[in-house]
Amino acid sequence: MHRNRCSSGTGDTNSNTSNAVKGGLTSRNSFIGIESPAMGAFKIGKTDAPYKTSTARMNPFSGMLGDYAVIMGNTGGDNRVEFGTRLDHALWYESPDMHGFSFNALISPGQNRGYDNSNIAAGESDCSGGNIPGSGATPAACNDGSYGNAYSASLSYTTGPLYLTVAYEKHKGVNRTSDLPTFDPNDVADEDAAKIDVQYKFPSKTTISAIYENMKRHVPAYLDYQNERSRSGYWLALSQELSASDSLHFGWGHANQAPGDPGQHNTPGGLSSDNAANLYTVAWKHQVDRNFSTYVDYAMTANHGSAHYDLGAGGRGVTTDCHDASNPDTTGFDPNGGAPHCFAGGNLQGVSAGMKYIF
């Protein structure tokens, strides 16, 4: 049995310092706004970005090991999901249904007082983008993925059993200077992501979902040797209702190869590193009554030699990231002298069981 949240408290670890209280009142979606059935809704606060919510219905493994966020929206691997997250101090608009069409648009001002976005944004406890000061045993600064302004939008169309959507998100000035031995201002660069998605439910109560996603880090060509953030990927899911109470679900996610690898794990780094990966998930769900359900699932992440994708990305289920290890290198292979570095190239497997009650 697993749970999504452990004990409450701050997120201090061996390699980072966080002042955010896990499971706190404002850790989830929290906002105020105005809404009209004819005009839609305008809201301000903290929310799941439109890029994330546009395909949430295509993820039958949400909150489980093997959640599609292991691959989708996850540019570099590990547990952080850059393009599948909540955005803080945001303003957004949600349109009404217009003959099957709807769209959402959001802007999140960065509020960062550092010209390179290396500071904690005003009003926040941690760096933006899930980047905690000292992440990966770097100096205590926001230089491992923190960004300024963020923009997110989605357009969807629904008619009968068919659902189509496209989504786009952009992060301005993403600071990844911790990937380099010396500071380079060109490693503070924009990152964006786009995806196109389709879902169809057949009369046999079989639902098929497919996503194509492309993510890009806009750095000069001479930095491609350490650019593990630009890549494309796929998601395919099949769900079959077996009865009024039972359903079976299969999922496959694939991360294509990125241009480079910063070489901060047990890899040599450089151009054309074999950092592709596959995710396989299967789950059985049982609806006990209207409010109570249970599930069992199995997941495996099969990393190629330089890839380090996880099983519980985004804090879903049990995470297996090893950035917080502290053993020295005994092989002589790691030029950084050993841990804390995540071990790339591994095949991760897990089985989980859980239950959900909706109040």
Protein backbone atom coordinates (compact mmCIF):
# COMPACT_ATOMS: atom_id res chain seq x y z
CA MET A 1 0.00 0.00 0.00
CA HIS A 2 1.35 3.45 -0.78
CA ARG A 3 0.18 6.95 -0.11
CA ASN A 4 0.90 10.16 -1.96
CA ARG A 5 1.88 12.17 1.11
CA CYS A 6 4.13 11.21 3.99
CA SER A 7 4.51 13.07 7.27
CA SER A 8 3.98 16.82 7.26
CA GLY A 9 6.89 19.21 7.52
CA THR A 10 9.47 20.97 5.39
CA GLY A 11 11.36 19.34 2.53
CA ASP A 12 14.93 19.43 3.86
CA THR A 13 17.11 16.57 2.58
CA ASN A 14 20.80 15.73 2.33
CA SER A 15 21.16 17.94 -0.73
CA ASN A 16 18.60 20.75 -0.60
CA THR A 17 16.87 23.13 1.78
CA SER A 18 13.13 23.80 1.45
CA ASN A 19 10.93 26.04 3.56
CA ALA A 20 7.67 24.76 2.04
CA VAL A 21 5.42 22.72 4.34
CA LYS A 22 4.30 19.53 2.61
CA GLY A 23 0.53 19.20 2.45
CA GLY A 24 -0.01 22.77 3.67
CA LEU A 25 -3.23 24.67 3.05
CA THR A 26 -1.92 26.51 -0.03
CA SER A 27 0.06 23.61 -1.50
CA ARG A 28 -2.88 22.71 -3.77
CA ASN A 29 -5.13 24.73 -6.06
CA SER A 30 -6.35 27.82 -4.22
CA PHE A 31 -7.92 30.81 -5.92
CA ILE A 32 -10.71 33.38 -6.09
CA GLY A 33 -12.55 34.61 -9.16
CA ILE A 34 -15.75 35.46 -10.97
CA GLU A 35 -17.74 33.20 -13.29
CA SER A 36 -20.63 33.47 -15.72
CA PRO A 37 -22.22 30.59 -17.67
CA ALA A 38 -22.18 32.76 -20.79
CA MET A 39 -18.81 34.51 -20.39
CA GLY A 40 -16.67 31.89 -18.64
CA ALA A 41 -14.47 32.38 -15.57
CA PHE A 42 -11.62 34.68 -14.63
CA LYS A 43 -9.55 33.58 -11.62
CA ILE A 44 -6.42 34.52 -9.70
CA GLY A 45 -4.34 32.38 -7.37
CA LYS A 46 -2.62 29.01 -7.72
CA THR A 47 -3.78 26.29 -10.12
CA ASP A 48 -2.90 23.37 -12.32
CA ALA A 49 -1.80 24.91 -15.61
CA PRO A 50 -4.00 24.46 -18.71
CA TYR A 51 -1.15 22.49 -20.28
CA LYS A 52 -1.52 19.95 -17.47
CA THR A 53 -5.32 19.80 -17.20
CA SER A 54 -5.89 19.48 -20.96
CA THR A 55 -4.76 15.83 -20.93
CA ALA A 56 -5.54 14.80 -17.33
CA ARG A 57 -8.38 12.60 -18.63
CA MET A 58 -5.83 10.62 -20.67
CA ASN A 59 -3.92 9.51 -17.58
CA PRO A 60 -5.69 6.53 -15.97
CA PHE A 61 -2.73 6.10 -13.60
CA SER A 62 -2.94 9.50 -11.90
CA GLY A 63 -1.48 9.33 -8.41
CA MET A 64 -0.03 5.83 -8.94
CA LEU A 65 3.38 4.46 -9.72
CA GLY A 66 3.74 4.75 -13.48
CA ASP A 67 1.74 7.97 -13.74
CA TYR A 68 2.28 9.31 -17.26
CA ALA A 69 4.17 12.27 -15.77
CA VAL A 70 7.18 9.94 -15.54
CA ILE A 71 7.60 10.74 -19.25
CA MET A 72 5.07 13.39 -20.31
CA GLY A 73 6.07 16.97 -19.50
CA ASN A 74 9.25 15.69 -17.86
CA THR A 75 12.21 17.06 -19.80
CA GLY A 76 15.24 15.64 -18.01
CA GLY A 77 13.99 12.73 -15.93
CA ASP A 78 14.12 12.36 -12.15
CA ASN A 79 11.04 13.50 -10.19
CA ARG A 80 10.46 17.04 -11.43
CA VAL A 81 7.76 17.51 -14.08
CA GLU A 82 8.49 20.86 -15.71
CA PHE A 83 5.44 20.96 -17.98
CA GLY A 84 2.84 19.29 -15.78
CA THR A 85 2.63 21.40 -12.68
CA ARG A 86 0.78 24.04 -10.72
CA LEU A 87 1.63 27.68 -11.32
CA ASP A 88 1.70 30.23 -8.50
CA HIS A 89 0.49 33.86 -8.40
CA ALA A 90 -1.32 33.26 -11.67
CA LEU A 91 -4.17 34.90 -13.58
CA TRP A 92 -6.23 32.79 -15.97
CA TYR A 93 -9.38 32.58 -18.05
CA GLU A 94 -11.59 29.52 -18.60
CA SER A 95 -14.03 29.79 -21.50
CA PRO A 96 -17.54 28.34 -21.53
CA ASP A 97 -18.43 25.51 -23.89
CA MET A 98 -18.88 26.92 -27.38
CA HIS A 99 -20.48 24.20 -29.53
CA GLY A 100 -17.92 21.67 -28.29
CA PHE A 101 -14.95 24.06 -28.23
CA SER A 102 -13.34 25.47 -25.09
CA PHE A 103 -10.06 27.14 -24.25
CA ASN A 104 -8.04 28.11 -21.20
CA ALA A 105 -5.26 30.71 -21.02
CA LEU A 106 -2.97 31.56 -18.09
CA ILE A 107 -0.11 33.88 -17.21
CA SER A 108 2.04 33.54 -14.10
CA PRO A 109 4.31 36.57 -13.48
CA GLY A 110 7.71 35.39 -12.32
CA GLN A 111 8.12 37.91 -9.47
CA ASN A 112 11.83 37.07 -9.46
CA ARG A 113 14.20 39.75 -8.22
CA GLY A 114 17.25 38.13 -9.85
CA TYR A 115 17.99 39.15 -13.45
CA ASP A 116 18.88 35.50 -14.16
CA ASN A 117 15.94 34.14 -12.10
CA SER A 118 18.37 32.67 -9.58
CA ASN A 119 16.46 34.09 -6.62
CA ILE A 120 13.32 32.85 -4.88
CA ALA A 121 10.29 34.60 -6.35
CA ALA A 122 8.58 37.20 -4.16
CA GLY A 123 5.97 35.58 -1.94
CA GLU A 124 7.27 32.03 -2.44
CA SER A 125 9.03 29.58 -0.12
CA ASP A 126 10.99 27.78 -2.85
CA CYS A 127 12.33 28.42 -6.32
CA SER A 128 9.89 28.23 -9.22
CA GLY A 129 9.46 25.07 -11.24
CA GLY A 130 9.83 22.67 -8.32
CA ASN A 131 13.47 23.70 -8.02
CA ILE A 132 14.55 23.72 -4.37
CA PRO A 133 17.64 25.72 -3.31
CA GLY A 134 20.57 23.32 -3.31
CA SER A 135 18.79 20.78 -5.50
CA GLY A 136 21.15 18.02 -6.56
CA ALA A 137 23.79 19.12 -4.02
CA THR A 138 24.42 22.39 -5.87
CA PRO A 139 24.99 25.69 -4.01
CA ALA A 140 21.87 27.05 -2.33
CA ALA A 141 20.58 29.08 -5.27
CA CYS A 142 17.78 28.79 -7.84
CA ASN A 143 20.07 27.65 -10.68
CA ASP A 144 18.64 24.20 -11.41
CA GLY A 145 15.48 25.03 -13.34
CA SER A 146 14.06 28.22 -11.87
CA TYR A 147 12.32 30.54 -14.35
CA GLY A 148 10.57 33.90 -14.64
CA ASN A 149 7.22 34.46 -16.33
CA ALA A 150 5.20 31.41 -17.40
CA TYR A 151 2.46 31.18 -20.01
CA SER A 152 0.10 28.24 -20.59
CA ALA A 153 -2.88 27.68 -22.87
CA SER A 154 -5.05 24.88 -24.26
CA LEU A 155 -7.80 24.48 -26.86
CA SER A 156 -10.16 21.49 -26.73
CA TYR A 157 -13.00 20.06 -28.79
CA THR A 158 -15.50 17.46 -27.56
CA THR A 159 -18.20 15.76 -29.57
CA GLY A 160 -19.78 12.51 -28.43
CA PRO A 161 -17.05 9.91 -27.83
CA LEU A 162 -14.29 12.07 -29.40
CA TYR A 163 -12.02 14.45 -27.51
CA LEU A 164 -9.29 16.51 -29.21
CA THR A 165 -6.94 19.02 -27.61
CA VAL A 166 -3.79 21.01 -28.27
CA ALA A 167 -1.77 22.77 -25.58
CA TYR A 168 1.27 25.02 -25.28
CA GLU A 169 3.36 26.31 -22.37
CA LYS A 170 6.40 28.60 -22.18
CA HIS A 171 8.81 29.31 -19.31
CA LYS A 172 10.96 32.43 -19.65
CA GLY A 173 14.63 32.54 -18.68
CA VAL A 174 15.04 29.07 -17.19
CA ASN A 175 18.26 29.03 -15.18
CA ARG A 176 20.20 25.77 -15.57
CA THR A 177 23.68 27.12 -14.95
CA SER A 178 24.27 24.34 -12.41
CA ASP A 179 24.66 22.03 -15.44
CA LEU A 180 27.94 23.81 -16.30
CA PRO A 181 31.27 23.96 -14.43
CA THR A 182 31.39 27.76 -14.91
CA PHE A 183 28.61 30.33 -15.30
CA ASP A 184 27.42 30.99 -18.85
CA PRO A 185 24.63 33.58 -19.32
CA ASN A 186 23.41 31.65 -22.38
CA ASP A 187 22.39 28.79 -20.09
CA VAL A 188 19.58 31.01 -18.83
CA ALA A 189 17.20 30.30 -21.70
CA ASP A 190 13.53 29.95 -22.59
CA GLU A 191 11.89 26.52 -22.56
CA ASP A 192 8.56 25.60 -24.13
CA ALA A 193 6.39 22.58 -24.80
CA ALA A 194 3.54 21.74 -27.18
CA LYS A 195 1.35 18.66 -27.48
CA ILE A 196 -1.50 17.35 -29.58
CA ASP A 197 -3.84 14.73 -28.18
CA VAL A 198 -6.79 12.58 -29.13
CA GLN A 199 -9.11 10.31 -27.14
CA TYR A 200 -11.95 8.13 -28.39
CA LYS A 201 -14.40 5.87 -26.54
CA PHE A 202 -15.76 2.96 -28.59
CA PRO A 203 -19.19 1.33 -28.10
CA SER A 204 -17.34 -1.66 -26.61
CA LYS A 205 -16.47 0.65 -23.65
CA THR A 206 -12.86 0.68 -24.81
CA THR A 207 -11.14 4.06 -24.49
CA ILE A 208 -7.95 4.83 -26.42
CA SER A 209 -5.84 7.93 -25.68
CA ALA A 210 -2.79 9.14 -27.61
CA ILE A 211 -0.46 12.12 -27.07
CA TYR A 212 2.46 13.50 -29.06
CA GLU A 213 4.60 16.05 -27.22
CA ASN A 214 7.59 18.15 -28.19
CA MET A 215 9.68 20.11 -25.67
CA LYS A 216 12.47 22.55 -26.48
CA ARG A 217 15.22 24.38 -24.60
CA HIS A 218 16.37 27.33 -26.69
CA VAL A 219 20.15 27.39 -26.17
CA PRO A 220 22.94 28.06 -28.69
CA ALA A 221 24.32 25.06 -30.58
CA TYR A 222 27.58 25.06 -28.60
CA LEU A 223 25.57 24.17 -25.47
CA ASP A 224 23.80 21.21 -27.07
CA TYR A 225 26.32 18.83 -25.51
CA GLN A 226 24.59 19.35 -22.13
CA ASN A 227 21.04 19.90 -23.39
CA GLU A 228 18.94 16.99 -22.12
CA ARG A 229 15.80 19.15 -22.13
CA SER A 230 14.92 19.25 -25.85
CA ARG A 231 13.09 16.12 -26.91
CA SER A 232 9.83 14.65 -28.14
CA GLY A 233 7.76 11.87 -26.61
CA TYR A 234 4.63 9.74 -26.91
CA TRP A 235 1.87 8.41 -24.67
CA LEU A 236 -0.60 5.66 -25.54
CA ALA A 237 -3.23 4.37 -23.11
CA LEU A 238 -5.99 1.79 -23.43
CA SER A 239 -8.79 1.43 -20.86
CA GLN A 240 -11.39 -1.32 -20.91
CA GLU A 241 -14.50 -1.40 -18.75
CA LEU A 242 -14.99 -5.03 -17.68
CA SER A 243 -18.18 -4.46 -15.70
CA ALA A 244 -20.05 -1.71 -13.94
CA SER A 245 -17.46 -1.89 -11.16
CA ASP A 246 -14.21 -3.10 -12.74
CA SER A 247 -11.84 -1.75 -15.36
CA LEU A 248 -8.41 -2.64 -16.77
CA HIS A 249 -5.86 -0.09 -17.99
CA PHE A 250 -2.64 -0.28 -20.01
CA GLY A 251 -0.17 2.54 -20.70
CA TRP A 252 3.05 3.06 -22.66
CA GLY A 253 5.14 6.21 -22.63
CA HIS A 254 8.30 6.84 -24.64
CA ALA A 255 10.89 9.60 -24.29
CA ASN A 256 12.93 10.14 -27.43
CA GLN A 257 16.63 10.94 -27.29
CA ALA A 258 17.66 14.49 -26.38
CA PRO A 259 20.68 16.25 -27.98
CA GLY A 260 23.03 15.93 -25.02
CA ASP A 261 23.74 15.03 -21.41
CA PRO A 262 25.40 17.25 -18.76
CA GLY A 263 27.26 14.19 -17.40
CA GLN A 264 26.33 14.75 -13.78
CA HIS A 265 25.22 11.21 -13.07
CA ASN A 266 27.14 8.00 -13.77
CA THR A 267 27.38 8.98 -17.45
CA PRO A 268 30.21 10.52 -19.47
CA GLY A 269 27.87 13.19 -20.86
CA GLY A 270 28.14 14.97 -24.18
CA LEU A 271 26.38 14.87 -27.53
CA SER A 272 24.26 11.95 -28.76
CA SER A 273 23.97 10.30 -25.36
CA ASP A 274 21.57 7.34 -25.27
CA ASN A 275 19.03 8.96 -22.96
CA ALA A 276 15.77 7.56 -24.35
CA ALA A 277 13.39 5.65 -22.05
CA ASN A 278 10.15 3.65 -21.99
CA LEU A 279 7.40 3.49 -19.36
CA TYR A 280 5.00 0.55 -19.04
CA THR A 281 2.02 0.58 -16.67
CA VAL A 282 -0.94 -1.73 -16.08
CA ALA A 283 -3.68 -1.26 -13.47
CA TRP A 284 -6.94 -2.84 -12.33
CA LYS A 285 -9.54 -0.61 -10.68
CA HIS A 286 -12.62 -1.59 -8.70
CA GLN A 287 -15.42 0.84 -7.82
CA VAL A 288 -16.89 -0.33 -4.51
CA ASP A 289 -19.61 2.31 -4.46
CA ARG A 290 -20.18 5.83 -5.72
CA ASN A 291 -17.51 7.33 -3.47
CA PHE A 292 -15.11 4.50 -2.68
CA SER A 293 -12.69 2.77 -5.08
CA THR A 294 -9.57 0.58 -4.93
CA TYR A 295 -6.78 -0.27 -7.36
CA VAL A 296 -3.66 -2.37 -7.92
CA ASP A 297 -1.02 -1.43 -10.46
CA TYR A 298 2.39 -2.46 -11.80
CA ALA A 299 4.85 -0.11 -13.49
CA MET A 300 8.30 -0.32 -15.04
CA THR A 301 10.56 2.44 -16.31
CA ALA A 302 13.16 1.07 -18.72
CA ASN A 303 15.96 3.62 -19.05
CA HIS A 304 18.55 3.51 -21.81
CA GLY A 305 22.17 3.92 -20.74
CA SER A 306 22.19 7.67 -20.03
CA ALA A 307 18.51 8.13 -19.06
CA HIS A 308 17.35 8.57 -15.47
CA TYR A 309 13.56 8.69 -15.55
CA ASP A 310 11.76 7.67 -12.36
CA LEU A 311 8.63 5.74 -11.32
CA GLY A 312 6.96 8.33 -9.11
CA ALA A 313 7.56 11.62 -10.92
CA GLY A 314 5.91 14.76 -9.62
CA GLY A 315 5.59 13.36 -6.11
CA ARG A 316 3.08 10.73 -7.22
CA GLY A 317 3.49 7.57 -5.20
CA VAL A 318 6.94 6.59 -3.94
CA THR A 319 9.82 8.42 -5.61
CA THR A 320 13.10 6.64 -6.31
CA ASP A 321 15.38 9.56 -7.16
CA CYS A 322 18.83 9.17 -5.62
CA HIS A 323 20.06 12.78 -5.71
CA ASP A 324 20.22 12.68 -1.92
CA ALA A 325 22.73 9.84 -1.70
CA SER A 326 26.10 10.60 -0.12
CA ASN A 327 28.42 7.70 -0.96
CA PRO A 328 31.78 8.51 -2.60
CA ASP A 329 32.67 7.21 -6.05
CA THR A 330 34.68 3.96 -5.77
CA THR A 331 34.92 3.26 -9.50
CA GLY A 332 36.86 6.30 -10.60
CA PHE A 333 34.34 6.76 -13.40
CA ASP A 334 32.50 9.77 -12.00
CA PRO A 335 34.51 12.98 -12.60
CA ASN A 336 32.49 14.73 -9.89
CA GLY A 337 33.81 12.38 -7.22
CA GLY A 338 30.69 10.38 -6.51
CA ALA A 339 27.22 10.86 -5.10
CA PRO A 340 24.87 12.66 -4.75
CA HIS A 341 24.14 11.72 -8.35
CA CYS A 342 21.28 9.67 -9.72
CA PHE A 343 22.20 6.32 -11.26
CA ALA A 344 21.28 6.43 -14.94
CA GLY A 345 20.44 3.45 -17.13
CA GLY A 346 18.43 1.49 -14.58
CA ASN A 347 15.19 -0.44 -14.99
CA LEU A 348 12.85 0.54 -12.16
CA GLN A 349 9.85 -1.62 -11.23
CA GLY A 350 7.13 -1.28 -8.66
CA VAL A 351 3.76 -2.60 -7.53
CA SER A 352 1.32 -0.43 -5.64
CA ALA A 353 -2.16 -0.75 -4.19
CA GLY A 354 -4.41 2.00 -2.97
CA MET A 355 -7.90 3.19 -2.21
CA LYS A 356 -9.74 6.47 -2.70
CA TYR A 357 -12.75 7.91 -0.95
CA ILE A 358 -14.43 11.04 -2.32
CA PHE A 359 -16.21 13.07 0.35
